């Protein structure tokens, strides 16, 4: 993957939008000390370059009834493109899985699962995840308290 170079103004735009994606172009321009037209061009270039993947709202999962979060480590019976594709397709079909990562270490995948409660989590694991033919082991940790849960990354200039 080729690194895309950004300067301090691009970094300021990215950081401002990560804090508040609802900023108007005029407000964003004022915050990063550019004219609105320059800011608009830079923002469009960041979008076209793939640094800005999209815009969305951060919602409160607890307030929406998804009060339980589990970090689940999964091991597959065998490894290969077919098994990975089948597992990826399974994950795509289930909204309970909010993030999935292929990892090194003692698990093949780490899943971030959000459900209403422990009963819903048990149903997901026993009725959906464990019956998958490629799954051989599942280990879960229930999140008791979240100390930090940030999205995005701090953009910094990448030099010239």
C-alpha atoms as a PDB file:
ATOM      1  CA  UNK A   1       0.000   0.000   0.000  1.00  0.00           C
ATOM      2  CA  UNK A   2       1.433   3.341  -1.048  1.00  0.00           C
ATOM      3  CA  UNK A   3       1.579   6.053   1.599  1.00  0.00           C
ATOM      4  CA  UNK A   4      -0.285   9.213   0.690  1.00  0.00           C
ATOM      5  CA  UNK A   5       1.534  12.360   1.754  1.00  0.00           C
ATOM      6  CA  UNK A   6      -0.419  15.018   3.606  1.00  0.00           C
ATOM      7  CA  UNK A   7       0.658  18.393   4.920  1.00  0.00           C
ATOM      8  CA  UNK A   8      -0.342  20.123   8.151  1.00  0.00           C
ATOM      9  CA  UNK A   9      -3.466  21.647   6.569  1.00  0.00           C
ATOM     10  CA  UNK A  10      -4.675  18.275   5.243  1.00  0.00           C
ATOM     11  CA  UNK A  11      -4.017  16.784   8.696  1.00  0.00           C
ATOM     12  CA  UNK A  12      -6.002  19.603  10.314  1.00  0.00           C
ATOM     13  CA  UNK A  13      -8.921  19.002   7.934  1.00  0.00           C
ATOM     14  CA  UNK A  14      -8.909  15.257   8.649  1.00  0.00           C
ATOM     15  CA  UNK A  15      -8.741  15.766  12.407  1.00  0.00           C
ATOM     16  CA  UNK A  16     -11.496  18.381  12.391  1.00  0.00           C
ATOM     17  CA  UNK A  17     -13.803  16.154  10.338  1.00  0.00           C
ATOM     18  CA  UNK A  18     -13.151  13.190  12.625  1.00  0.00           C
ATOM     19  CA  UNK A  19     -14.188  15.318  15.598  1.00  0.00           C
ATOM     20  CA  UNK A  20     -17.284  16.662  13.820  1.00  0.00           C
ATOM     21  CA  UNK A  21     -18.230  15.518  10.320  1.00  0.00           C
ATOM     22  CA  UNK A  22     -21.201  17.888  10.323  1.00  0.00           C
ATOM     23  CA  UNK A  23     -18.999  20.979  10.018  1.00  0.00           C
ATOM     24  CA  UNK A  24     -20.096  23.189   7.166  1.00  0.00           C
ATOM     25  CA  UNK A  25     -17.412  24.013   4.629  1.00  0.00           C
ATOM     26  CA  UNK A  26     -17.295  27.583   5.957  1.00  0.00           C
ATOM     27  CA  UNK A  27     -16.813  26.378   9.558  1.00  0.00           C
ATOM     28  CA  UNK A  28     -14.191  23.846   8.500  1.00  0.00           C
ATOM     29  CA  UNK A  29     -12.349  26.498   6.473  1.00  0.00           C
ATOM     30  CA  UNK A  30     -12.318  28.861   9.454  1.00  0.00           C
ATOM     31  CA  UNK A  31     -11.041  26.125  11.767  1.00  0.00           C
ATOM     32  CA  UNK A  32      -8.110  25.215   9.468  1.00  0.00           C
ATOM     33  CA  UNK A  33      -7.426  28.815   8.398  1.00  0.00           C
ATOM     34  CA  UNK A  34      -8.222  28.487   4.672  1.00  0.00           C
ATOM     35  CA  UNK A  35     -10.626  30.191   2.337  1.00  0.00           C
ATOM     36  CA  UNK A  36     -13.822  28.176   1.805  1.00  0.00           C
ATOM     37  CA  UNK A  37     -12.895  27.447  -1.836  1.00  0.00           C
ATOM     38  CA  UNK A  38      -9.396  26.192  -0.916  1.00  0.00           C
ATOM     39  CA  UNK A  39     -10.851  24.099   1.889  1.00  0.00           C
ATOM     40  CA  UNK A  40     -13.464  22.597  -0.421  1.00  0.00           C
ATOM     41  CA  UNK A  41     -10.799  21.649  -2.992  1.00  0.00           C
ATOM     42  CA  UNK A  42      -8.585  20.047  -0.341  1.00  0.00           C
ATOM     43  CA  UNK A  43     -11.495  18.142   1.170  1.00  0.00           C
ATOM     44  CA  UNK A  44     -12.505  16.866  -2.276  1.00  0.00           C
ATOM     45  CA  UNK A  45      -8.906  15.781  -2.936  1.00  0.00           C
ATOM     46  CA  UNK A  46      -8.796  13.912   0.398  1.00  0.00           C
ATOM     47  CA  UNK A  47     -12.037  12.160  -0.530  1.00  0.00           C
ATOM     48  CA  UNK A  48     -10.816  11.332  -4.055  1.00  0.00           C
ATOM     49  CA  UNK A  49      -7.515  10.066  -2.659  1.00  0.00           C
ATOM     50  CA  UNK A  50      -9.332   7.648  -0.359  1.00  0.00           C
ATOM     51  CA  UNK A  51      -8.227   9.240   2.908  1.00  0.00           C
ATOM     52  CA  UNK A  52     -11.835  10.106   3.697  1.00  0.00           C
ATOM     53  CA  UNK A  53     -13.789   6.885   3.249  1.00  0.00           C
ATOM     54  CA  UNK A  54     -17.187   8.304   4.157  1.00  0.00           C
ATOM     55  CA  UNK A  55     -19.225  10.157   6.747  1.00  0.00           C
ATOM     56  CA  UNK A  56     -21.510   8.820   9.450  1.00  0.00           C
ATOM     57  CA  UNK A  57     -23.067   9.370  12.834  1.00  0.00           C
ATOM     58  CA  UNK A  58     -21.732   7.810  16.022  1.00  0.00           C
ATOM     59  CA  UNK A  59     -24.700   6.314  17.816  1.00  0.00           C
ATOM     60  CA  UNK A  60     -25.004   5.107  21.395  1.00  0.00           C
ATOM     61  CA  UNK A  61     -25.331   1.311  21.168  1.00  0.00           C
ATOM     62  CA  UNK A  62     -26.490   1.052  24.781  1.00  0.00           C
ATOM     63  CA  UNK A  63     -29.272   3.588  24.209  1.00  0.00           C
ATOM     64  CA  UNK A  64     -30.405   1.566  21.179  1.00  0.00           C
ATOM     65  CA  UNK A  65     -30.688  -1.600  23.242  1.00  0.00           C
ATOM     66  CA  UNK A  66     -27.343  -3.219  22.428  1.00  0.00           C
ATOM     67  CA  UNK A  67     -26.012  -3.134  25.968  1.00  0.00           C
ATOM     68  CA  UNK A  68     -23.751  -6.161  25.790  1.00  0.00           C
ATOM     69  CA  UNK A  69     -20.424  -6.263  24.026  1.00  0.00           C
ATOM     70  CA  UNK A  70     -18.158  -9.288  23.728  1.00  0.00           C
ATOM     71  CA  UNK A  71     -14.707  -9.708  22.281  1.00  0.00           C
ATOM     72  CA  UNK A  72     -14.682 -13.176  20.757  1.00  0.00           C
ATOM     73  CA  UNK A  73     -11.670 -15.106  19.498  1.00  0.00           C
ATOM     74  CA  UNK A  74     -12.334 -17.725  16.847  1.00  0.00           C
ATOM     75  CA  UNK A  75     -10.168 -20.514  15.452  1.00  0.00           C
ATOM     76  CA  UNK A  76     -10.914 -22.264  12.154  1.00  0.00           C
ATOM     77  CA  UNK A  77     -10.378 -25.978  11.426  1.00  0.00           C
ATOM     78  CA  UNK A  78      -8.309 -25.312   8.347  1.00  0.00           C
ATOM     79  CA  UNK A  79      -6.984 -22.361   6.450  1.00  0.00           C
ATOM     80  CA  UNK A  80      -7.287 -21.422   2.841  1.00  0.00           C
ATOM     81  CA  UNK A  81      -9.078 -19.046   0.548  1.00  0.00           C
ATOM     82  CA  UNK A  82     -12.266 -21.115   0.489  1.00  0.00           C
ATOM     83  CA  UNK A  83     -12.510 -21.331   4.287  1.00  0.00           C
ATOM     84  CA  UNK A  84     -11.718 -17.646   4.706  1.00  0.00           C
ATOM     85  CA  UNK A  85     -14.315 -16.677   2.098  1.00  0.00           C
ATOM     86  CA  UNK A  86     -16.974 -18.854   3.757  1.00  0.00           C
ATOM     87  CA  UNK A  87     -16.239 -17.350   7.177  1.00  0.00           C
ATOM     88  CA  UNK A  88     -16.242 -13.805   5.755  1.00  0.00           C
ATOM     89  CA  UNK A  89     -19.623 -14.494   4.134  1.00  0.00           C
ATOM     90  CA  UNK A  90     -20.974 -15.764   7.467  1.00  0.00           C
ATOM     91  CA  UNK A  91     -19.748 -12.598   9.228  1.00  0.00           C
ATOM     92  CA  UNK A  92     -21.290 -10.365   6.566  1.00  0.00           C
ATOM     93  CA  UNK A  93     -24.714 -11.944   7.174  1.00  0.00           C
ATOM     94  CA  UNK A  94     -24.737 -11.239  10.916  1.00  0.00           C
ATOM     95  CA  UNK A  95     -25.261  -7.717  12.236  1.00  0.00           C
ATOM     96  CA  UNK A  96     -24.232  -8.839  15.711  1.00  0.00           C
ATOM     97  CA  UNK A  97     -20.626  -8.843  14.493  1.00  0.00           C
ATOM     98  CA  UNK A  98     -19.631  -5.176  14.363  1.00  0.00           C
ATOM     99  CA  UNK A  99     -15.950  -5.731  13.538  1.00  0.00           C
ATOM    100  CA  UNK A 100     -13.842  -8.725  12.580  1.00  0.00           C
ATOM    101  CA  UNK A 101     -10.082  -8.936  12.364  1.00  0.00           C
ATOM    102  CA  UNK A 102      -7.740 -11.638  11.124  1.00  0.00           C
ATOM    103  CA  UNK A 103      -4.996 -11.709  13.755  1.00  0.00           C
ATOM    104  CA  UNK A 104      -1.719 -13.320  14.690  1.00  0.00           C
ATOM    105  CA  UNK A 105      -1.389 -15.195  17.967  1.00  0.00           C
ATOM    106  CA  UNK A 106      -3.555 -17.916  19.456  1.00  0.00           C
ATOM    107  CA  UNK A 107      -6.707 -17.009  17.493  1.00  0.00           C
ATOM    108  CA  UNK A 108      -7.392 -16.758  13.784  1.00  0.00           C
ATOM    109  CA  UNK A 109      -9.999 -14.014  14.149  1.00  0.00           C
ATOM    110  CA  UNK A 110     -11.128 -11.542  16.786  1.00  0.00           C
ATOM    111  CA  UNK A 111     -14.747 -10.408  16.601  1.00  0.00           C
ATOM    112  CA  UNK A 112     -16.418  -7.428  18.263  1.00  0.00           C
ATOM    113  CA  UNK A 113     -19.989  -8.512  18.953  1.00  0.00           C
ATOM    114  CA  UNK A 114     -22.862  -6.255  20.123  1.00  0.00           C
ATOM    115  CA  UNK A 115     -26.149  -7.762  21.304  1.00  0.00           C
ATOM    116  CA  UNK A 116     -28.947  -6.759  23.684  1.00  0.00           C
ATOM    117  CA  UNK A 117     -28.032  -9.134  26.514  1.00  0.00           C
ATOM    118  CA  UNK A 118     -26.346 -12.354  27.596  1.00  0.00           C
ATOM    119  CA  UNK A 119     -29.212 -14.524  26.317  1.00  0.00           C
ATOM    120  CA  UNK A 120     -28.884 -13.008  22.833  1.00  0.00           C
ATOM    121  CA  UNK A 121     -25.118 -13.530  22.947  1.00  0.00           C
ATOM    122  CA  UNK A 122     -25.578 -17.181  23.957  1.00  0.00           C
ATOM    123  CA  UNK A 123     -28.034 -17.701  21.077  1.00  0.00           C
ATOM    124  CA  UNK A 124     -25.618 -16.137  18.605  1.00  0.00           C
ATOM    125  CA  UNK A 125     -22.692 -18.281  19.772  1.00  0.00           C
ATOM    126  CA  UNK A 126     -24.589 -21.578  20.136  1.00  0.00           C
ATOM    127  CA  UNK A 127     -27.046 -21.300  17.254  1.00  0.00           C
ATOM    128  CA  UNK A 128     -25.027 -19.391  14.654  1.00  0.00           C
ATOM    129  CA  UNK A 129     -21.278 -19.249  15.306  1.00  0.00           C
ATOM    130  CA  UNK A 130     -20.458 -22.714  16.694  1.00  0.00           C
ATOM    131  CA  UNK A 131     -22.498 -24.613  14.057  1.00  0.00           C
ATOM    132  CA  UNK A 132     -20.307 -23.139  11.293  1.00  0.00           C
ATOM    133  CA  UNK A 133     -18.390 -26.104   9.859  1.00  0.00           C
ATOM    134  CA  UNK A 134     -15.114 -24.181   9.664  1.00  0.00           C
ATOM    135  CA  UNK A 135     -15.213 -23.020  13.322  1.00  0.00           C
ATOM    136  CA  UNK A 136     -13.292 -25.213  15.754  1.00  0.00           C
ATOM    137  CA  UNK A 137     -12.935 -23.057  18.867  1.00  0.00           C
ATOM    138  CA  UNK A 138     -14.594 -19.943  20.295  1.00  0.00           C
ATOM    139  CA  UNK A 139     -13.407 -18.013  23.363  1.00  0.00           C
ATOM    140  CA  UNK A 140     -15.127 -14.855  24.536  1.00  0.00           C
ATOM    141  CA  UNK A 141     -14.588 -12.049  26.975  1.00  0.00           C
ATOM    142  CA  UNK A 142     -17.589  -9.995  28.042  1.00  0.00           C
ATOM    143  CA  UNK A 143     -16.839  -6.269  28.168  1.00  0.00           C
ATOM    144  CA  UNK A 144     -17.658  -5.045  31.678  1.00  0.00           C
ATOM    145  CA  UNK A 145     -16.630  -1.422  31.212  1.00  0.00           C
ATOM    146  CA  UNK A 146     -15.166   0.533  28.324  1.00  0.00           C
ATOM    147  CA  UNK A 147     -12.322   2.843  29.273  1.00  0.00           C
ATOM    148  CA  UNK A 148     -11.542   4.089  25.774  1.00  0.00           C
ATOM    149  CA  UNK A 149     -13.321   3.509  22.469  1.00  0.00           C
ATOM    150  CA  UNK A 150     -12.167   5.993  19.858  1.00  0.00           C
ATOM    151  CA  UNK A 151     -12.775   5.769  16.158  1.00  0.00           C
ATOM    152  CA  UNK A 152     -10.440   7.121  13.522  1.00  0.00           C
ATOM    153  CA  UNK A 153      -6.805   8.077  13.944  1.00  0.00           C
ATOM    154  CA  UNK A 154      -4.967  11.326  14.558  1.00  0.00           C
ATOM    155  CA  UNK A 155      -3.737  12.565  11.189  1.00  0.00           C
ATOM    156  CA  UNK A 156      -0.214  13.991  11.162  1.00  0.00           C
ATOM    157  CA  UNK A 157       1.705  15.548   8.274  1.00  0.00           C
ATOM    158  CA  UNK A 158       3.771  12.933   6.434  1.00  0.00           C
ATOM    159  CA  UNK A 159       6.665  15.087   5.332  1.00  0.00           C
ATOM    160  CA  UNK A 160       7.716  16.241   1.905  1.00  0.00           C
END
